[in-house]
Structures are given as C-alpha cells and as structure tokens.
Amino acid sequence: MSTAQVLTANRLTDGIAVWYDRDGKWNEWIGRSVVASSKEEAERLEAIGKQAFAKNEVLDVNLVEVEELEGQIRPLRLRERIRAEGPTIEYMI
C-alpha cells in the first residue's frame, strides 16, 4: 500500500458520515481518524469496519485514501472531501 487510508462509514442511526478515530469510536471529524500507512494497518481497519457493520453500528464501511498536509487529514477523492468537510456551496436561507 503506497497511499495512507482511513476508515469511514455512515452512522446507522442518522446516516451522518463518520470516521474511525484514535479512541476506537466513530467520530464526525476526520481529523481524529486512525491513519493506516501499511497494508497490515489497512487490513486491521477493514476488520474493525466489518465488525462494526455486523454489530449494526454503521453501514457503507470503506477505506478511503488520504493525504496528510500540515497536520490535517484530507481525502484524495472529491466525494470523500465533501463527506468530510460538508457541501461545496453555501445554503441561502
């Protein structure tokens, strides 16, 4: 594995995008995510995701490729950036 990865899913209760964090919990902020830098670490995260899915804690569990820039975790794909950071436009009320 050459690219760092984090584990993401959607919370079962409300569908909100969540990220597996350093405390072993699902967090709405990607900045606390466990970052897998090796194949073994990615496999460990994948197993955690499968177990959480089986327990009905989360759904749509995926490993997402990220980069770390200036201490910040940023998904490489636009879709995942939107999930992590929110909409790309401001809502007008």
N, C-alpha and C. Protein backbone atom coordinates (compact mmCIF):
# COMPACT_ATOMS: atom_id res chain seq x y z
N MET A 1 0.85 -1.18 0.00
CA MET A 1 0.00 0.00 0.00
C MET A 1 0.89 1.24 0.00
N SER A 2 0.69 2.12 -0.94
CA SER A 2 1.53 3.31 -1.01
C SER A 2 0.81 4.55 -0.49
N THR A 3 -0.51 4.52 -0.45
CA THR A 3 -1.27 5.68 -0.02
C THR A 3 -1.86 5.43 1.36
N ALA A 4 -1.84 6.44 2.21
CA ALA A 4 -2.45 6.33 3.53
C ALA A 4 -3.96 6.20 3.38
N GLN A 5 -4.59 5.51 4.34
CA GLN A 5 -6.04 5.31 4.30
C GLN A 5 -6.64 5.50 5.68
N VAL A 6 -7.92 5.89 5.68
CA VAL A 6 -8.71 5.96 6.91
C VAL A 6 -9.98 5.18 6.68
N LEU A 7 -10.65 4.83 7.77
CA LEU A 7 -11.89 4.05 7.71
C LEU A 7 -13.08 4.99 7.90
N THR A 8 -14.01 4.93 6.96
CA THR A 8 -15.20 5.76 7.04
C THR A 8 -16.44 4.90 6.90
N ALA A 9 -17.55 5.44 7.34
CA ALA A 9 -18.84 4.75 7.25
C ALA A 9 -19.93 5.80 7.44
N ASN A 10 -21.15 5.33 7.45
CA ASN A 10 -22.28 6.18 7.81
C ASN A 10 -22.88 5.62 9.08
N ARG A 11 -23.17 6.50 10.02
CA ARG A 11 -23.77 6.09 11.28
C ARG A 11 -25.17 5.55 10.99
N LEU A 12 -25.50 4.43 11.57
CA LEU A 12 -26.76 3.77 11.29
C LEU A 12 -27.96 4.59 11.77
N THR A 13 -27.83 5.29 12.87
CA THR A 13 -28.98 5.99 13.45
C THR A 13 -29.44 7.20 12.66
N ASP A 14 -28.50 7.90 11.98
CA ASP A 14 -28.89 9.13 11.27
C ASP A 14 -28.24 9.31 9.90
N GLY A 15 -27.39 8.37 9.47
CA GLY A 15 -26.78 8.44 8.16
C GLY A 15 -25.61 9.38 8.03
N ILE A 16 -25.22 10.06 9.10
CA ILE A 16 -24.11 11.01 9.08
C ILE A 16 -22.80 10.27 8.79
N ALA A 17 -21.93 10.89 7.97
CA ALA A 17 -20.60 10.33 7.69
C ALA A 17 -19.77 10.37 8.97
N VAL A 18 -19.13 9.25 9.27
CA VAL A 18 -18.27 9.14 10.45
C VAL A 18 -16.96 8.49 10.06
N TRP A 19 -15.96 8.68 10.92
CA TRP A 19 -14.59 8.21 10.69
C TRP A 19 -14.13 7.48 11.93
N TYR A 20 -13.44 6.36 11.76
CA TYR A 20 -12.95 5.59 12.91
C TYR A 20 -11.76 6.34 13.52
N ASP A 21 -11.88 6.68 14.82
CA ASP A 21 -10.87 7.54 15.44
C ASP A 21 -9.90 6.81 16.36
N ARG A 22 -8.93 7.57 16.85
CA ARG A 22 -7.86 7.03 17.70
C ARG A 22 -8.34 6.49 19.03
N ASP A 23 -9.57 6.85 19.42
CA ASP A 23 -10.14 6.35 20.68
C ASP A 23 -10.99 5.10 20.46
N GLY A 24 -10.99 4.60 19.22
CA GLY A 24 -11.78 3.41 18.92
C GLY A 24 -13.26 3.69 18.78
N LYS A 25 -13.61 4.93 18.43
CA LYS A 25 -15.01 5.33 18.28
C LYS A 25 -15.23 5.88 16.89
N TRP A 26 -16.48 6.02 16.51
CA TRP A 26 -16.86 6.63 15.23
C TRP A 26 -17.09 8.11 15.49
N ASN A 27 -16.34 8.95 14.80
CA ASN A 27 -16.31 10.38 15.04
C ASN A 27 -16.74 11.13 13.78
N GLU A 28 -17.44 12.23 13.94
CA GLU A 28 -17.87 13.03 12.80
C GLU A 28 -16.74 13.87 12.21
N TRP A 29 -15.60 13.95 12.89
CA TRP A 29 -14.47 14.77 12.44
C TRP A 29 -13.34 13.87 11.94
N ILE A 30 -12.98 14.01 10.69
CA ILE A 30 -11.93 13.18 10.09
C ILE A 30 -10.57 13.42 10.74
N GLY A 31 -10.36 14.55 11.35
CA GLY A 31 -9.07 14.92 11.93
C GLY A 31 -8.58 14.01 13.04
N ARG A 32 -9.45 13.23 13.63
CA ARG A 32 -9.04 12.31 14.71
C ARG A 32 -8.92 10.87 14.21
N SER A 33 -9.01 10.67 12.91
CA SER A 33 -9.00 9.32 12.34
C SER A 33 -7.69 8.58 12.56
N VAL A 34 -7.80 7.28 12.68
CA VAL A 34 -6.64 6.40 12.63
C VAL A 34 -6.21 6.35 11.17
N VAL A 35 -4.94 6.62 10.91
CA VAL A 35 -4.42 6.60 9.54
C VAL A 35 -3.58 5.33 9.36
N ALA A 36 -3.99 4.51 8.39
CA ALA A 36 -3.25 3.29 8.06
C ALA A 36 -2.20 3.63 7.01
N SER A 37 -0.96 3.33 7.33
CA SER A 37 0.14 3.63 6.41
C SER A 37 0.76 2.37 5.81
N SER A 38 0.24 1.22 6.18
CA SER A 38 0.76 -0.04 5.65
C SER A 38 -0.41 -0.95 5.32
N LYS A 39 -0.13 -1.99 4.56
CA LYS A 39 -1.16 -2.96 4.20
C LYS A 39 -1.75 -3.62 5.45
N GLU A 40 -0.89 -3.94 6.41
CA GLU A 40 -1.35 -4.59 7.64
C GLU A 40 -2.27 -3.68 8.44
N GLU A 41 -1.92 -2.41 8.54
CA GLU A 41 -2.77 -1.45 9.27
C GLU A 41 -4.11 -1.28 8.56
N ALA A 42 -4.10 -1.25 7.24
CA ALA A 42 -5.34 -1.13 6.47
C ALA A 42 -6.22 -2.36 6.67
N GLU A 43 -5.61 -3.53 6.69
CA GLU A 43 -6.37 -4.76 6.92
C GLU A 43 -6.99 -4.77 8.32
N ARG A 44 -6.27 -4.25 9.30
CA ARG A 44 -6.80 -4.14 10.66
C ARG A 44 -8.02 -3.23 10.69
N LEU A 45 -7.91 -2.07 10.03
CA LEU A 45 -9.05 -1.15 9.97
C LEU A 45 -10.23 -1.78 9.25
N GLU A 46 -9.95 -2.48 8.18
CA GLU A 46 -11.01 -3.14 7.42
C GLU A 46 -11.75 -4.15 8.29
N ALA A 47 -11.03 -4.89 9.11
CA ALA A 47 -11.64 -5.86 10.02
C ALA A 47 -12.50 -5.16 11.06
N ILE A 48 -12.03 -4.03 11.56
CA ILE A 48 -12.81 -3.23 12.52
C ILE A 48 -14.11 -2.77 11.88
N GLY A 49 -14.03 -2.31 10.64
CA GLY A 49 -15.21 -1.86 9.93
C GLY A 49 -16.23 -2.98 9.72
N LYS A 50 -15.75 -4.17 9.34
CA LYS A 50 -16.64 -5.31 9.15
C LYS A 50 -17.34 -5.69 10.45
N GLN A 51 -16.60 -5.63 11.54
CA GLN A 51 -17.18 -5.97 12.85
C GLN A 51 -18.24 -4.93 13.25
N ALA A 52 -17.96 -3.65 13.03
CA ALA A 52 -18.93 -2.60 13.37
C ALA A 52 -20.18 -2.73 12.51
N PHE A 53 -20.01 -3.08 11.24
CA PHE A 53 -21.15 -3.31 10.36
C PHE A 53 -21.99 -4.48 10.87
N ALA A 54 -21.32 -5.58 11.25
CA ALA A 54 -22.02 -6.77 11.74
C ALA A 54 -22.79 -6.47 13.03
N LYS A 55 -22.31 -5.52 13.82
CA LYS A 55 -22.98 -5.13 15.08
C LYS A 55 -24.05 -4.06 14.85
N ASN A 56 -24.29 -3.70 13.57
CA ASN A 56 -25.27 -2.67 13.22
C ASN A 56 -24.95 -1.31 13.83
N GLU A 57 -23.67 -0.98 13.94
CA GLU A 57 -23.26 0.34 14.41
C GLU A 57 -23.18 1.33 13.25
N VAL A 58 -22.72 0.84 12.10
CA VAL A 58 -22.51 1.68 10.92
C VAL A 58 -22.86 0.90 9.66
N LEU A 59 -22.96 1.61 8.54
CA LEU A 59 -23.15 0.96 7.26
C LEU A 59 -22.30 1.67 6.22
N ASP A 60 -22.20 1.09 5.04
CA ASP A 60 -21.38 1.63 3.95
C ASP A 60 -19.94 1.89 4.40
N VAL A 61 -19.32 0.88 4.98
CA VAL A 61 -17.97 0.97 5.51
C VAL A 61 -16.94 0.89 4.37
N ASN A 62 -15.99 1.84 4.36
CA ASN A 62 -14.98 1.88 3.30
C ASN A 62 -13.65 2.41 3.82
N LEU A 63 -12.57 1.93 3.22
CA LEU A 63 -11.27 2.56 3.41
C LEU A 63 -11.15 3.66 2.37
N VAL A 64 -10.67 4.82 2.78
CA VAL A 64 -10.57 5.98 1.90
C VAL A 64 -9.12 6.44 1.87
N GLU A 65 -8.61 6.69 0.67
CA GLU A 65 -7.24 7.18 0.53
C GLU A 65 -7.18 8.65 0.94
N VAL A 66 -6.16 8.97 1.74
CA VAL A 66 -5.99 10.33 2.25
C VAL A 66 -4.54 10.76 2.12
N GLU A 67 -4.35 12.06 2.28
CA GLU A 67 -3.01 12.63 2.40
C GLU A 67 -3.00 13.46 3.67
N GLU A 68 -1.83 13.59 4.26
CA GLU A 68 -1.69 14.42 5.45
C GLU A 68 -0.89 15.65 5.05
N LEU A 69 -1.53 16.81 5.13
CA LEU A 69 -0.92 18.08 4.77
C LEU A 69 -0.96 19.02 5.96
N GLU A 70 0.20 19.47 6.40
CA GLU A 70 0.30 20.42 7.51
C GLU A 70 -0.51 19.95 8.72
N GLY A 71 -0.41 18.66 9.02
CA GLY A 71 -1.08 18.11 10.19
C GLY A 71 -2.57 17.83 10.00
N GLN A 72 -3.08 18.04 8.80
CA GLN A 72 -4.51 17.82 8.51
C GLN A 72 -4.66 16.59 7.62
N ILE A 73 -5.73 15.83 7.88
CA ILE A 73 -6.05 14.67 7.05
C ILE A 73 -7.03 15.12 5.99
N ARG A 74 -6.71 14.83 4.72
CA ARG A 74 -7.55 15.27 3.61
C ARG A 74 -7.76 14.11 2.64
N PRO A 75 -9.02 13.72 2.41
CA PRO A 75 -9.29 12.67 1.43
C PRO A 75 -8.83 13.09 0.04
N LEU A 76 -8.37 12.12 -0.75
CA LEU A 76 -7.91 12.41 -2.11
C LEU A 76 -9.08 12.60 -3.08
N ARG A 77 -10.14 11.81 -2.91
CA ARG A 77 -11.28 11.91 -3.82
C ARG A 77 -12.23 13.03 -3.38
N LEU A 78 -12.77 13.75 -4.35
CA LEU A 78 -13.69 14.85 -4.07
C LEU A 78 -14.91 14.38 -3.29
N ARG A 79 -15.47 13.25 -3.65
CA ARG A 79 -16.65 12.73 -2.95
C ARG A 79 -16.38 12.61 -1.45
N GLU A 80 -15.22 12.09 -1.11
CA GLU A 80 -14.89 11.90 0.30
C GLU A 80 -14.58 13.23 0.99
N ARG A 81 -14.02 14.18 0.25
CA ARG A 81 -13.79 15.52 0.81
C ARG A 81 -15.12 16.17 1.17
N ILE A 82 -16.10 16.00 0.30
CA ILE A 82 -17.42 16.57 0.58
C ILE A 82 -18.02 15.89 1.81
N ARG A 83 -17.87 14.59 1.94
CA ARG A 83 -18.38 13.87 3.11
C ARG A 83 -17.68 14.36 4.39
N ALA A 84 -16.39 14.66 4.28
CA ALA A 84 -15.62 15.08 5.45
C ALA A 84 -15.83 16.55 5.81
N GLU A 85 -15.97 17.40 4.79
CA GLU A 85 -15.98 18.84 5.03
C GLU A 85 -17.34 19.49 4.85
N GLY A 86 -18.28 18.77 4.25
CA GLY A 86 -19.61 19.33 4.04
C GLY A 86 -19.79 19.82 2.61
N PRO A 87 -20.96 20.40 2.33
CA PRO A 87 -21.29 20.84 0.96
C PRO A 87 -20.28 21.82 0.40
N THR A 88 -20.22 21.87 -0.92
CA THR A 88 -19.28 22.77 -1.61
C THR A 88 -19.88 24.14 -1.88
N ILE A 89 -21.15 24.32 -1.53
CA ILE A 89 -21.80 25.62 -1.73
C ILE A 89 -22.44 26.07 -0.42
N GLU A 90 -22.66 27.35 -0.28
CA GLU A 90 -23.36 27.86 0.89
C GLU A 90 -24.86 27.81 0.63
N TYR A 91 -25.61 27.43 1.64
CA TYR A 91 -27.07 27.44 1.52
C TYR A 91 -27.58 28.84 1.81
N MET A 92 -28.51 29.29 1.00
CA MET A 92 -29.12 30.59 1.20
C MET A 92 -30.46 30.38 1.89
N ILE A 93 -30.67 31.09 2.96
CA ILE A 93 -31.93 30.95 3.69
C ILE A 93 -32.77 32.19 3.51
